[in-house]
Amino acid sequence: MRTRRPALIAVVMLASPALAALWGCGRSTLLDDGPTGPSSSSTLPEASTPTPDGGITPDGAILDDASPQPTPAPSNTGVLIFVNSGGGLGASGATSFYAEFDLGMRGEACETRQAGACVYQTCPAPFFGIPGLPAGPLGDTVSAGTLTLAGGELGGVVLTAMGGVYGFGQDTLNPPGQGPLTFFIPGDTLTVSASGGVVPAFTAAPVTVPQSGTLVTPELESDNKNVFYAVSTSEDLVVQWSGGEPGAQFLLQGAGNGNASFLCTWDATLGQGVVPQSVFAPFKGVGLNGTLVWYQQRLSTFTAGEFAMEESVLQYGPLSQAAYY
């Protein structure tokens, strides 16, 4: 990313800087060339004038100045993200929340390439932040007033923007070692509302925290020292999971070394999916420096004035080492 915001929350790092790389709207190029259809051209009909008997032109078009016009799409964006990390690799689970509202679309910072349900991404530098946040440099952020969170053990947490963004974590609500690390659990219903500012006041639809699901294949392997997932970079990877919930997505996220990572997204009720070989081929030779994690999320969209919003809640499973060979 050209500009990096400092980490506001000292939780949900998931132990790996590469896994904390955030997903966004980078330039997208298909990894495998797809079919290209033949080009076509069309000729516009000659201009015609309204007829005096009903406003129908010779080419059949009806002229009606009073007809409804399409509503323009919102030109600004916002994200609201609840996250429960699953721990793993020595990290304990923790709760966090992040929100940001931008004038215009979030900037493109990371290079992405897509194949099937998966995206391979490289960013200029690792990002230490909230998993699930679309990648992009801090842009022209604006205020929505105060945000009020409720549900689980949140108990009406009220947030104000700091540095243009809203966020909290365990260290924000309770000093380290005091109180719970996890403020909501699967099955809890969470809400967020805004008092209003440049972003109009809104109340987002309640979201229910899903389970993380269970990764069935690939299976964990072990040697004398480590427990890890072994992933071949020379063939497609068939992924199977259990515990998929209706209305949720199942995501598999992996990272090698450096700034490269991949993310695959499926309907959680499918129970299986395929990671194309081309997605993690660049990880060949990473060995046990790689990581793999999965999670379920619920995602909803809504509008507030001229802002297109995405609201999501993510429940992570345990982060594990992965050997890409």
C-alpha atoms as a PDB file:
ATOM      1  CA  MET A   1       0.000   0.000   0.000  1.00  0.00           C
ATOM      2  CA  ARG A   2       1.240   3.463  -0.739  1.00  0.00           C
ATOM      3  CA  THR A   3       0.249   4.736   2.671  1.00  0.00           C
ATOM      4  CA  ARG A   4      -0.239   2.579   5.739  1.00  0.00           C
ATOM      5  CA  ARG A   5      -2.355   3.478   8.684  1.00  0.00           C
ATOM      6  CA  PRO A   6      -0.941   2.469  12.066  1.00  0.00           C
ATOM      7  CA  ALA A   7      -2.617  -0.459  13.748  1.00  0.00           C
ATOM      8  CA  LEU A   8      -5.237   0.938  16.075  1.00  0.00           C
ATOM      9  CA  ILE A   9      -5.988  -2.361  17.725  1.00  0.00           C
ATOM     10  CA  ALA A  10      -3.413  -4.669  19.238  1.00  0.00           C
ATOM     11  CA  VAL A  11      -5.477  -7.793  18.716  1.00  0.00           C
ATOM     12  CA  VAL A  12      -6.535 -10.089  15.878  1.00  0.00           C
ATOM     13  CA  MET A  13      -3.067 -10.148  14.316  1.00  0.00           C
ATOM     14  CA  LEU A  14      -3.465 -13.906  13.756  1.00  0.00           C
ATOM     15  CA  ALA A  15       0.257 -14.343  14.382  1.00  0.00           C
ATOM     16  CA  SER A  16       1.220 -13.894  10.718  1.00  0.00           C
ATOM     17  CA  PRO A  17       1.799 -10.498   9.073  1.00  0.00           C
ATOM     18  CA  ALA A  18       0.977 -12.047   5.710  1.00  0.00           C
ATOM     19  CA  LEU A  19      -2.387 -13.294   6.923  1.00  0.00           C
ATOM     20  CA  ALA A  20      -3.162  -9.834   8.215  1.00  0.00           C
ATOM     21  CA  ALA A  21      -2.816  -8.526   4.654  1.00  0.00           C
ATOM     22  CA  LEU A  22      -6.218  -7.148   3.825  1.00  0.00           C
ATOM     23  CA  TRP A  23      -8.416  -7.948   0.881  1.00  0.00           C
ATOM     24  CA  GLY A  24      -9.527  -5.253  -1.476  1.00  0.00           C
ATOM     25  CA  CYS A  25     -10.303  -3.890  -4.867  1.00  0.00           C
ATOM     26  CA  GLY A  26      -6.931  -4.124  -6.528  1.00  0.00           C
ATOM     27  CA  ARG A  27      -6.426  -4.445 -10.267  1.00  0.00           C
ATOM     28  CA  SER A  28      -7.865  -7.854 -11.141  1.00  0.00           C
ATOM     29  CA  THR A  29      -6.427 -10.119 -13.849  1.00  0.00           C
ATOM     30  CA  LEU A  30      -7.586 -13.669 -14.515  1.00  0.00           C
ATOM     31  CA  LEU A  31      -4.862 -16.202 -13.865  1.00  0.00           C
ATOM     32  CA  ASP A  32      -6.133 -18.455 -16.648  1.00  0.00           C
ATOM     33  CA  ASP A  33      -7.132 -16.965 -19.956  1.00  0.00           C
ATOM     34  CA  GLY A  34     -10.874 -17.333 -20.431  1.00  0.00           C
ATOM     35  CA  PRO A  35     -12.831 -17.593 -23.664  1.00  0.00           C
ATOM     36  CA  THR A  36     -13.114 -14.418 -25.655  1.00  0.00           C
ATOM     37  CA  GLY A  37     -16.242 -13.863 -27.676  1.00  0.00           C
ATOM     38  CA  PRO A  38     -16.309 -12.252 -31.148  1.00  0.00           C
ATOM     39  CA  SER A  39     -16.473  -8.502 -31.312  1.00  0.00           C
ATOM     40  CA  SER A  40     -19.691  -6.903 -32.455  1.00  0.00           C
ATOM     41  CA  SER A  41     -20.854  -3.545 -33.659  1.00  0.00           C
ATOM     42  CA  SER A  42     -24.194  -1.836 -33.954  1.00  0.00           C
ATOM     43  CA  THR A  43     -25.626   1.043 -35.891  1.00  0.00           C
ATOM     44  CA  LEU A  44     -27.755   3.633 -34.179  1.00  0.00           C
ATOM     45  CA  PRO A  45     -31.114   4.355 -35.818  1.00  0.00           C
ATOM     46  CA  GLU A  46     -31.514   7.646 -37.562  1.00  0.00           C
ATOM     47  CA  ALA A  47     -32.825  10.444 -35.397  1.00  0.00           C
ATOM     48  CA  SER A  48     -36.568  10.883 -35.524  1.00  0.00           C
ATOM     49  CA  THR A  49     -39.034  13.350 -34.120  1.00  0.00           C
ATOM     50  CA  PRO A  50     -42.046  12.674 -31.889  1.00  0.00           C
ATOM     51  CA  THR A  51     -45.290  12.062 -33.730  1.00  0.00           C
ATOM     52  CA  PRO A  52     -48.316  14.137 -32.849  1.00  0.00           C
ATOM     53  CA  ASP A  53     -50.372  11.014 -31.995  1.00  0.00           C
ATOM     54  CA  GLY A  54     -48.831   9.560 -28.880  1.00  0.00           C
ATOM     55  CA  GLY A  55     -45.155  10.438 -28.810  1.00  0.00           C
ATOM     56  CA  ILE A  56     -43.878   7.303 -30.567  1.00  0.00           C
ATOM     57  CA  THR A  57     -40.966   7.674 -32.966  1.00  0.00           C
ATOM     58  CA  PRO A  58     -40.671   5.670 -36.208  1.00  0.00           C
ATOM     59  CA  ASP A  59     -38.236   3.247 -34.527  1.00  0.00           C
ATOM     60  CA  GLY A  60     -40.798   2.416 -31.823  1.00  0.00           C
ATOM     61  CA  ALA A  61     -39.222   4.270 -28.874  1.00  0.00           C
ATOM     62  CA  ILE A  62     -41.720   5.838 -26.493  1.00  0.00           C
ATOM     63  CA  LEU A  63     -40.946   9.384 -25.499  1.00  0.00           C
ATOM     64  CA  ASP A  64     -42.113  10.181 -21.987  1.00  0.00           C
ATOM     65  CA  ASP A  65     -40.327  12.883 -20.066  1.00  0.00           C
ATOM     66  CA  ALA A  66     -42.216  11.854 -16.946  1.00  0.00           C
ATOM     67  CA  SER A  67     -40.927   8.269 -16.942  1.00  0.00           C
ATOM     68  CA  PRO A  68     -38.948   7.323 -13.805  1.00  0.00           C
ATOM     69  CA  GLN A  69     -35.187   7.622 -14.094  1.00  0.00           C
ATOM     70  CA  PRO A  70     -32.819   5.047 -12.571  1.00  0.00           C
ATOM     71  CA  THR A  71     -31.497   5.976  -9.154  1.00  0.00           C
ATOM     72  CA  PRO A  72     -27.762   6.674  -9.338  1.00  0.00           C
ATOM     73  CA  ALA A  73     -25.581   4.267  -7.402  1.00  0.00           C
ATOM     74  CA  PRO A  74     -24.050   5.578  -4.182  1.00  0.00           C
ATOM     75  CA  SER A  75     -20.705   7.193  -4.932  1.00  0.00           C
ATOM     76  CA  ASN A  76     -19.069   6.709  -1.510  1.00  0.00           C
ATOM     77  CA  THR A  77     -18.212   3.623   0.524  1.00  0.00           C
ATOM     78  CA  GLY A  78     -18.146   2.322   4.082  1.00  0.00           C
ATOM     79  CA  VAL A  79     -17.180  -0.896   5.873  1.00  0.00           C
ATOM     80  CA  LEU A  80     -18.258  -2.212   9.286  1.00  0.00           C
ATOM     81  CA  ILE A  81     -16.530  -5.405  10.422  1.00  0.00           C
ATOM     82  CA  PHE A  82     -16.902  -7.543  13.544  1.00  0.00           C
ATOM     83  CA  VAL A  83     -14.124 -10.132  13.963  1.00  0.00           C
ATOM     84  CA  ASN A  84     -13.580 -13.059  16.316  1.00  0.00           C
ATOM     85  CA  SER A  85     -10.146 -14.577  15.859  1.00  0.00           C
ATOM     86  CA  GLY A  86      -9.734 -18.251  16.569  1.00  0.00           C
ATOM     87  CA  GLY A  87      -6.226 -18.084  17.984  1.00  0.00           C
ATOM     88  CA  GLY A  88      -3.692 -20.724  17.085  1.00  0.00           C
ATOM     89  CA  LEU A  89       0.101 -20.615  16.837  1.00  0.00           C
ATOM     90  CA  GLY A  90       0.165 -19.459  20.444  1.00  0.00           C
ATOM     91  CA  ALA A  91      -2.320 -16.590  19.950  1.00  0.00           C
ATOM     92  CA  SER A  92      -5.474 -16.444  22.045  1.00  0.00           C
ATOM     93  CA  GLY A  93      -8.839 -15.647  20.527  1.00  0.00           C
ATOM     94  CA  ALA A  94      -9.940 -12.039  20.641  1.00  0.00           C
ATOM     95  CA  THR A  95     -12.750  -9.750  19.523  1.00  0.00           C
ATOM     96  CA  SER A  96     -12.389  -6.620  17.450  1.00  0.00           C
ATOM     97  CA  PHE A  97     -14.431  -4.172  15.412  1.00  0.00           C
ATOM     98  CA  TYR A  98     -13.439  -1.830  12.593  1.00  0.00           C
ATOM     99  CA  ALA A  99     -15.324   0.789  10.587  1.00  0.00           C
ATOM    100  CA  GLU A 100     -14.318   3.351   8.002  1.00  0.00           C
ATOM    101  CA  PHE A 101     -16.260   5.671   5.697  1.00  0.00           C
ATOM    102  CA  ASP A 102     -14.639   7.080   2.561  1.00  0.00           C
ATOM    103  CA  LEU A 103     -15.538   9.714   0.024  1.00  0.00           C
ATOM    104  CA  GLY A 104     -15.337   7.916  -3.289  1.00  0.00           C
ATOM    105  CA  MET A 105     -14.220   4.345  -3.717  1.00  0.00           C
ATOM    106  CA  ARG A 106     -11.406   2.911  -1.624  1.00  0.00           C
ATOM    107  CA  GLY A 107      -8.077   3.290  -3.371  1.00  0.00           C
ATOM    108  CA  GLU A 108      -6.515   0.419  -5.254  1.00  0.00           C
ATOM    109  CA  ALA A 109      -3.305  -0.613  -3.563  1.00  0.00           C
ATOM    110  CA  CYS A 110      -2.775  -4.353  -3.925  1.00  0.00           C
ATOM    111  CA  GLU A 111      -2.321  -6.369  -7.087  1.00  0.00           C
ATOM    112  CA  THR A 112      -4.884  -9.180  -7.322  1.00  0.00           C
ATOM    113  CA  ARG A 113      -5.329 -12.077  -9.720  1.00  0.00           C
ATOM    114  CA  GLN A 114      -8.442 -14.225  -9.660  1.00  0.00           C
ATOM    115  CA  ALA A 115      -9.124 -17.841 -10.561  1.00  0.00           C
ATOM    116  CA  GLY A 116     -12.467 -19.433  -9.820  1.00  0.00           C
ATOM    117  CA  ALA A 117     -13.546 -18.659  -6.272  1.00  0.00           C
ATOM    118  CA  CYS A 118     -10.034 -17.619  -5.236  1.00  0.00           C
ATOM    119  CA  VAL A 119      -7.902 -14.503  -5.346  1.00  0.00           C
ATOM    120  CA  TYR A 120      -4.106 -14.334  -5.168  1.00  0.00           C
ATOM    121  CA  GLN A 121      -2.867 -11.006  -3.856  1.00  0.00           C
ATOM    122  CA  THR A 122       0.432  -9.204  -3.423  1.00  0.00           C
ATOM    123  CA  CYS A 123       0.742  -5.887  -1.609  1.00  0.00           C
ATOM    124  CA  PRO A 124       3.644  -3.417  -1.545  1.00  0.00           C
ATOM    125  CA  ALA A 125       4.161  -4.114   2.162  1.00  0.00           C
ATOM    126  CA  PRO A 126       2.636  -6.284   4.880  1.00  0.00           C
ATOM    127  CA  PHE A 127      -0.328  -4.762   6.694  1.00  0.00           C
ATOM    128  CA  PHE A 128      -0.792  -5.185  10.426  1.00  0.00           C
ATOM    129  CA  GLY A 129      -4.497  -4.658  10.814  1.00  0.00           C
ATOM    130  CA  ILE A 130      -7.925  -6.224  10.880  1.00  0.00           C
ATOM    131  CA  PRO A 131      -8.493  -9.385   8.803  1.00  0.00           C
ATOM    132  CA  GLY A 132     -11.307  -8.979   6.328  1.00  0.00           C
ATOM    133  CA  LEU A 133     -10.921  -5.239   5.745  1.00  0.00           C
ATOM    134  CA  PRO A 134     -10.698  -4.403   2.036  1.00  0.00           C
ATOM    135  CA  ALA A 135      -7.159  -3.296   1.226  1.00  0.00           C
ATOM    136  CA  GLY A 136      -6.505   0.285   0.310  1.00  0.00           C
ATOM    137  CA  PRO A 137      -4.619   3.346   1.483  1.00  0.00           C
ATOM    138  CA  LEU A 138      -6.285   5.624   3.971  1.00  0.00           C
ATOM    139  CA  GLY A 139      -8.278   8.015   1.811  1.00  0.00           C
ATOM    140  CA  ASP A 140     -10.653  10.882   2.456  1.00  0.00           C
ATOM    141  CA  THR A 141     -12.355   9.382   5.487  1.00  0.00           C
ATOM    142  CA  VAL A 142     -15.371  11.134   6.954  1.00  0.00           C
ATOM    143  CA  SER A 143     -17.351  10.950  10.154  1.00  0.00           C
ATOM    144  CA  ALA A 144     -20.608   9.147  10.897  1.00  0.00           C
ATOM    145  CA  GLY A 145     -20.770  10.736  14.345  1.00  0.00           C
ATOM    146  CA  THR A 146     -20.577   8.170  17.108  1.00  0.00           C
ATOM    147  CA  LEU A 147     -21.068   4.453  16.543  1.00  0.00           C
ATOM    148  CA  THR A 148     -22.924   2.399  19.130  1.00  0.00           C
ATOM    149  CA  LEU A 149     -22.345  -1.354  19.243  1.00  0.00           C
ATOM    150  CA  ALA A 150     -24.506  -3.856  21.081  1.00  0.00           C
ATOM    151  CA  GLY A 151     -24.960  -7.585  21.373  1.00  0.00           C
ATOM    152  CA  GLY A 152     -23.090 -10.305  23.213  1.00  0.00           C
ATOM    153  CA  GLU A 153     -21.086  -8.691  26.002  1.00  0.00           C
ATOM    154  CA  LEU A 154     -20.517  -5.438  24.114  1.00  0.00           C
ATOM    155  CA  GLY A 155     -23.052  -3.665  26.317  1.00  0.00           C
ATOM    156  CA  GLY A 156     -23.609  -0.509  24.276  1.00  0.00           C
ATOM    157  CA  VAL A 157     -19.996   0.331  23.409  1.00  0.00           C
ATOM    158  CA  VAL A 158     -19.814   3.868  21.961  1.00  0.00           C
ATOM    159  CA  LEU A 159     -16.978   4.682  19.568  1.00  0.00           C
ATOM    160  CA  THR A 160     -15.666   7.933  18.129  1.00  0.00           C
ATOM    161  CA  ALA A 161     -13.354   8.114  15.144  1.00  0.00           C
ATOM    162  CA  MET A 162      -9.591   8.200  15.708  1.00  0.00           C
ATOM    163  CA  GLY A 163      -7.447   9.073  12.734  1.00  0.00           C
ATOM    164  CA  GLY A 164     -10.482   8.770  10.494  1.00  0.00           C
ATOM    165  CA  VAL A 165     -11.407   5.237  11.550  1.00  0.00           C
ATOM    166  CA  TYR A 166     -13.430   3.542  14.275  1.00  0.00           C
ATOM    167  CA  GLY A 167     -12.106   0.528  16.131  1.00  0.00           C
ATOM    168  CA  PHE A 168     -11.776  -1.367  19.347  1.00  0.00           C
ATOM    169  CA  GLY A 169     -10.172  -4.491  20.675  1.00  0.00           C
ATOM    170  CA  GLN A 170      -9.628  -6.258  23.945  1.00  0.00           C
ATOM    171  CA  ASP A 171      -6.916  -3.799  24.961  1.00  0.00           C
ATOM    172  CA  THR A 172      -9.273  -0.903  24.274  1.00  0.00           C
ATOM    173  CA  LEU A 173     -12.184  -2.117  26.390  1.00  0.00           C
ATOM    174  CA  ASN A 174     -10.222  -3.871  29.135  1.00  0.00           C
ATOM    175  CA  PRO A 175      -6.559  -3.636  30.135  1.00  0.00           C
ATOM    176  CA  PRO A 176      -4.546  -6.751  29.278  1.00  0.00           C
ATOM    177  CA  GLY A 177      -5.323  -9.565  31.690  1.00  0.00           C
ATOM    178  CA  GLN A 178      -8.616  -8.077  32.846  1.00  0.00           C
ATOM    179  CA  GLY A 179     -12.016  -9.123  31.587  1.00  0.00           C
ATOM    180  CA  PRO A 180     -12.886 -11.362  28.649  1.00  0.00           C
ATOM    181  CA  LEU A 181     -10.922 -11.481  25.429  1.00  0.00           C
ATOM    182  CA  THR A 182     -14.027 -12.423  23.458  1.00  0.00           C
ATOM    183  CA  PHE A 183     -17.012 -10.083  23.674  1.00  0.00           C
ATOM    184  CA  PHE A 184     -19.295 -12.074  21.379  1.00  0.00           C
ATOM    185  CA  ILE A 185     -19.590 -15.718  20.417  1.00  0.00           C
ATOM    186  CA  PRO A 186     -21.338 -17.708  17.667  1.00  0.00           C
ATOM    187  CA  GLY A 187     -25.089 -17.273  17.909  1.00  0.00           C
ATOM    188  CA  ASP A 188     -24.936 -13.737  19.326  1.00  0.00           C
ATOM    189  CA  THR A 189     -26.781 -11.036  17.390  1.00  0.00           C
ATOM    190  CA  LEU A 190     -24.808  -7.814  16.930  1.00  0.00           C
ATOM    191  CA  THR A 191     -25.980  -4.338  16.000  1.00  0.00           C
ATOM    192  CA  VAL A 192     -24.291  -1.076  15.046  1.00  0.00           C
ATOM    193  CA  SER A 193     -25.858   2.343  14.649  1.00  0.00           C
ATOM    194  CA  ALA A 194     -24.486   5.787  13.831  1.00  0.00           C
ATOM    195  CA  SER A 195     -25.579   9.149  15.219  1.00  0.00           C
ATOM    196  CA  GLY A 196     -24.751  10.795  11.893  1.00  0.00           C
ATOM    197  CA  GLY A 197     -22.209  13.238  10.507  1.00  0.00           C
ATOM    198  CA  VAL A 198     -21.090  13.538   6.904  1.00  0.00           C
ATOM    199  CA  VAL A 199     -22.462  10.006   6.749  1.00  0.00           C
ATOM    200  CA  PRO A 200     -26.191  10.183   7.574  1.00  0.00           C
ATOM    201  CA  ALA A 201     -27.434   8.506  10.739  1.00  0.00           C
ATOM    202  CA  PHE A 202     -28.185   4.823  10.200  1.00  0.00           C
ATOM    203  CA  THR A 203     -28.946   1.562  11.943  1.00  0.00           C
ATOM    204  CA  ALA A 204     -27.496  -1.461  10.211  1.00  0.00           C
ATOM    205  CA  ALA A 205     -29.425  -4.715  10.109  1.00  0.00           C
ATOM    206  CA  PRO A 206     -28.624  -7.086  13.000  1.00  0.00           C
ATOM    207  CA  VAL A 207     -26.059  -9.758  12.124  1.00  0.00           C
ATOM    208  CA  THR A 208     -25.702 -13.160  13.769  1.00  0.00           C
ATOM    209  CA  VAL A 209     -22.231 -14.503  14.478  1.00  0.00           C
ATOM    210  CA  PRO A 210     -21.679 -17.810  12.643  1.00  0.00           C
ATOM    211  CA  GLN A 211     -19.575 -20.755  13.762  1.00  0.00           C
ATOM    212  CA  SER A 212     -16.115 -20.992  12.247  1.00  0.00           C
ATOM    213  CA  GLY A 213     -16.908 -24.321  10.618  1.00  0.00           C
ATOM    214  CA  THR A 214     -14.425 -27.210  10.578  1.00  0.00           C
ATOM    215  CA  LEU A 215     -11.858 -27.840   7.878  1.00  0.00           C
ATOM    216  CA  VAL A 216     -12.033 -31.551   6.925  1.00  0.00           C
ATOM    217  CA  THR A 217      -9.532 -31.636   4.049  1.00  0.00           C
ATOM    218  CA  PRO A 218      -6.702 -30.946   3.803  1.00  0.00           C
ATOM    219  CA  GLU A 219      -5.871 -32.757   7.021  1.00  0.00           C
ATOM    220  CA  LEU A 220      -3.256 -31.754   9.549  1.00  0.00           C
ATOM    221  CA  GLU A 221       0.037 -33.619   9.348  1.00  0.00           C
ATOM    222  CA  SER A 222       2.918 -33.778  11.790  1.00  0.00           C
ATOM    223  CA  ASP A 223       6.612 -34.488  12.017  1.00  0.00           C
ATOM    224  CA  ASN A 224       8.812 -34.711  15.054  1.00  0.00           C
ATOM    225  CA  LYS A 225       8.452 -31.002  15.815  1.00  0.00           C
ATOM    226  CA  ASN A 226       5.488 -29.474  13.994  1.00  0.00           C
ATOM    227  CA  VAL A 227       1.807 -29.900  13.233  1.00  0.00           C
ATOM    228  CA  PHE A 228       0.934 -28.386   9.860  1.00  0.00           C
ATOM    229  CA  TYR A 229      -1.014 -28.555   6.609  1.00  0.00           C
ATOM    230  CA  ALA A 230       0.975 -29.855   3.641  1.00  0.00           C
ATOM    231  CA  VAL A 231      -0.131 -28.242   0.367  1.00  0.00           C
ATOM    232  CA  SER A 232       1.184 -29.208  -3.051  1.00  0.00           C
ATOM    233  CA  THR A 233       1.655 -26.241  -5.381  1.00  0.00           C
ATOM    234  CA  SER A 234       1.668 -28.439  -8.482  1.00  0.00           C
ATOM    235  CA  GLU A 235      -1.998 -29.469  -8.454  1.00  0.00           C
ATOM    236  CA  ASP A 236      -5.464 -28.215  -7.531  1.00  0.00           C
ATOM    237  CA  LEU A 237      -6.417 -28.509  -3.866  1.00  0.00           C
ATOM    238  CA  VAL A 238      -9.799 -30.017  -3.016  1.00  0.00           C
ATOM    239  CA  VAL A 239     -11.153 -28.390   0.145  1.00  0.00           C
ATOM    240  CA  GLN A 240     -13.921 -29.912   2.262  1.00  0.00           C
ATOM    241  CA  TRP A 241     -15.511 -28.550   5.412  1.00  0.00           C
ATOM    242  CA  SER A 242     -18.374 -29.215   7.800  1.00  0.00           C
ATOM    243  CA  GLY A 243     -20.582 -26.889   9.805  1.00  0.00           C
ATOM    244  CA  GLY A 244     -21.472 -24.598   6.914  1.00  0.00           C
ATOM    245  CA  GLU A 245     -24.447 -22.395   7.806  1.00  0.00           C
ATOM    246  CA  PRO A 246     -27.175 -21.047   5.494  1.00  0.00           C
ATOM    247  CA  GLY A 247     -26.671 -17.411   4.641  1.00  0.00           C
ATOM    248  CA  ALA A 248     -22.938 -17.592   5.394  1.00  0.00           C
ATOM    249  CA  GLN A 249     -19.755 -17.892   3.353  1.00  0.00           C
ATOM    250  CA  PHE A 250     -16.846 -20.232   4.050  1.00  0.00           C
ATOM    251  CA  LEU A 251     -13.433 -18.713   3.413  1.00  0.00           C
ATOM    252  CA  LEU A 252      -9.985 -20.282   3.248  1.00  0.00           C
ATOM    253  CA  GLN A 253      -7.087 -17.886   3.634  1.00  0.00           C
ATOM    254  CA  GLY A 254      -3.428 -18.747   3.188  1.00  0.00           C
ATOM    255  CA  ALA A 255      -0.100 -16.958   3.054  1.00  0.00           C
ATOM    256  CA  GLY A 256       3.436 -17.714   2.088  1.00  0.00           C
ATOM    257  CA  ASN A 257       6.297 -15.491   3.019  1.00  0.00           C
ATOM    258  CA  GLY A 258       6.618 -11.826   2.112  1.00  0.00           C
ATOM    259  CA  ASN A 259       3.494  -9.958   1.035  1.00  0.00           C
ATOM    260  CA  ALA A 260       1.678 -12.679  -0.924  1.00  0.00           C
ATOM    261  CA  SER A 261      -1.554 -14.335   0.192  1.00  0.00           C
ATOM    262  CA  PHE A 262      -4.695 -15.927  -1.213  1.00  0.00           C
ATOM    263  CA  LEU A 263      -8.363 -16.005  -0.257  1.00  0.00           C
ATOM    264  CA  CYS A 264     -11.077 -18.344  -1.488  1.00  0.00           C
ATOM    265  CA  THR A 265     -14.792 -17.760  -0.867  1.00  0.00           C
ATOM    266  CA  TRP A 266     -17.631 -20.270  -1.215  1.00  0.00           C
ATOM    267  CA  ASP A 267     -21.257 -20.579  -0.168  1.00  0.00           C
ATOM    268  CA  ALA A 268     -20.891 -22.202   3.234  1.00  0.00           C
ATOM    269  CA  THR A 269     -23.583 -24.793   2.539  1.00  0.00           C
ATOM    270  CA  LEU A 270     -21.629 -26.311  -0.390  1.00  0.00           C
ATOM    271  CA  GLY A 271     -19.305 -28.189   1.936  1.00  0.00           C
ATOM    272  CA  GLN A 272     -16.507 -28.315  -0.610  1.00  0.00           C
ATOM    273  CA  GLY A 273     -14.594 -26.270  -3.163  1.00  0.00           C
ATOM    274  CA  VAL A 274     -11.443 -26.277  -5.242  1.00  0.00           C
ATOM    275  CA  VAL A 275      -8.399 -24.028  -4.989  1.00  0.00           C
ATOM    276  CA  PRO A 276      -6.845 -23.807  -8.480  1.00  0.00           C
ATOM    277  CA  GLN A 277      -3.159 -24.697  -8.585  1.00  0.00           C
ATOM    278  CA  SER A 278      -2.325 -21.362 -10.173  1.00  0.00           C
ATOM    279  CA  VAL A 279      -3.416 -19.490  -7.033  1.00  0.00           C
ATOM    280  CA  PHE A 280      -0.711 -20.790  -4.730  1.00  0.00           C
ATOM    281  CA  ALA A 281       1.925 -21.814  -7.289  1.00  0.00           C
ATOM    282  CA  PRO A 282       3.993 -18.736  -6.276  1.00  0.00           C
ATOM    283  CA  PHE A 283       4.265 -20.229  -2.753  1.00  0.00           C
ATOM    284  CA  LYS A 284       6.332 -23.210  -3.937  1.00  0.00           C
ATOM    285  CA  GLY A 285       9.283 -23.783  -1.654  1.00  0.00           C
ATOM    286  CA  VAL A 286       7.925 -21.714   1.222  1.00  0.00           C
ATOM    287  CA  GLY A 287       8.074 -24.749   3.473  1.00  0.00           C
ATOM    288  CA  LEU A 288       6.801 -24.332   7.014  1.00  0.00           C
ATOM    289  CA  ASN A 289       6.922 -20.546   6.766  1.00  0.00           C
ATOM    290  CA  GLY A 290       3.380 -20.573   5.372  1.00  0.00           C
ATOM    291  CA  THR A 291       0.062 -20.305   7.207  1.00  0.00           C
ATOM    292  CA  LEU A 292      -3.509 -21.435   6.628  1.00  0.00           C
ATOM    293  CA  VAL A 293      -6.726 -20.386   8.353  1.00  0.00           C
ATOM    294  CA  TRP A 294     -10.438 -20.647   7.643  1.00  0.00           C
ATOM    295  CA  TYR A 295     -13.531 -18.820   8.789  1.00  0.00           C
ATOM    296  CA  GLN A 296     -17.215 -18.276   8.161  1.00  0.00           C
ATOM    297  CA  GLN A 297     -18.669 -14.855   7.635  1.00  0.00           C
ATOM    298  CA  ARG A 298     -22.034 -13.242   7.186  1.00  0.00           C
ATOM    299  CA  LEU A 299     -22.104 -10.250   4.894  1.00  0.00           C
ATOM    300  CA  SER A 300     -24.844  -7.733   4.191  1.00  0.00           C
ATOM    301  CA  THR A 301     -25.024  -4.503   2.239  1.00  0.00           C
ATOM    302  CA  PHE A 302     -27.095  -1.373   2.679  1.00  0.00           C
ATOM    303  CA  THR A 303     -27.033   2.311   1.808  1.00  0.00           C
ATOM    304  CA  ALA A 304     -26.940   5.416   3.959  1.00  0.00           C
ATOM    305  CA  GLY A 305     -27.470   8.501   1.855  1.00  0.00           C
ATOM    306  CA  GLU A 306     -24.744   8.445  -0.805  1.00  0.00           C
ATOM    307  CA  PHE A 307     -22.714   5.742   0.965  1.00  0.00           C
ATOM    308  CA  ALA A 308     -22.723   2.082  -0.090  1.00  0.00           C
ATOM    309  CA  MET A 309     -22.058   0.040   3.054  1.00  0.00           C
ATOM    310  CA  GLU A 310     -20.736  -3.464   3.678  1.00  0.00           C
ATOM    311  CA  GLU A 311     -21.359  -4.979   7.097  1.00  0.00           C
ATOM    312  CA  SER A 312     -19.784  -8.308   8.020  1.00  0.00           C
ATOM    313  CA  VAL A 313     -19.093 -10.568  10.980  1.00  0.00           C
ATOM    314  CA  LEU A 314     -16.217 -13.070  10.797  1.00  0.00           C
ATOM    315  CA  GLN A 315     -15.650 -16.100  13.019  1.00  0.00           C
ATOM    316  CA  TYR A 316     -12.167 -17.542  12.558  1.00  0.00           C
ATOM    317  CA  GLY A 317     -10.992 -21.071  13.150  1.00  0.00           C
ATOM    318  CA  PRO A 318      -7.492 -21.749  14.488  1.00  0.00           C
ATOM    319  CA  LEU A 319      -4.529 -20.490  12.526  1.00  0.00           C
ATOM    320  CA  SER A 320      -2.066 -23.237  11.595  1.00  0.00           C
ATOM    321  CA  GLN A 321       1.278 -23.594   9.950  1.00  0.00           C
ATOM    322  CA  ALA A 322       1.261 -24.686   6.312  1.00  0.00           C
ATOM    323  CA  ALA A 323       4.044 -26.136   4.211  1.00  0.00           C
ATOM    324  CA  TYR A 324       3.767 -25.242   0.525  1.00  0.00           C
ATOM    325  CA  TYR A 325       5.971 -27.529  -1.543  1.00  0.00           C
END
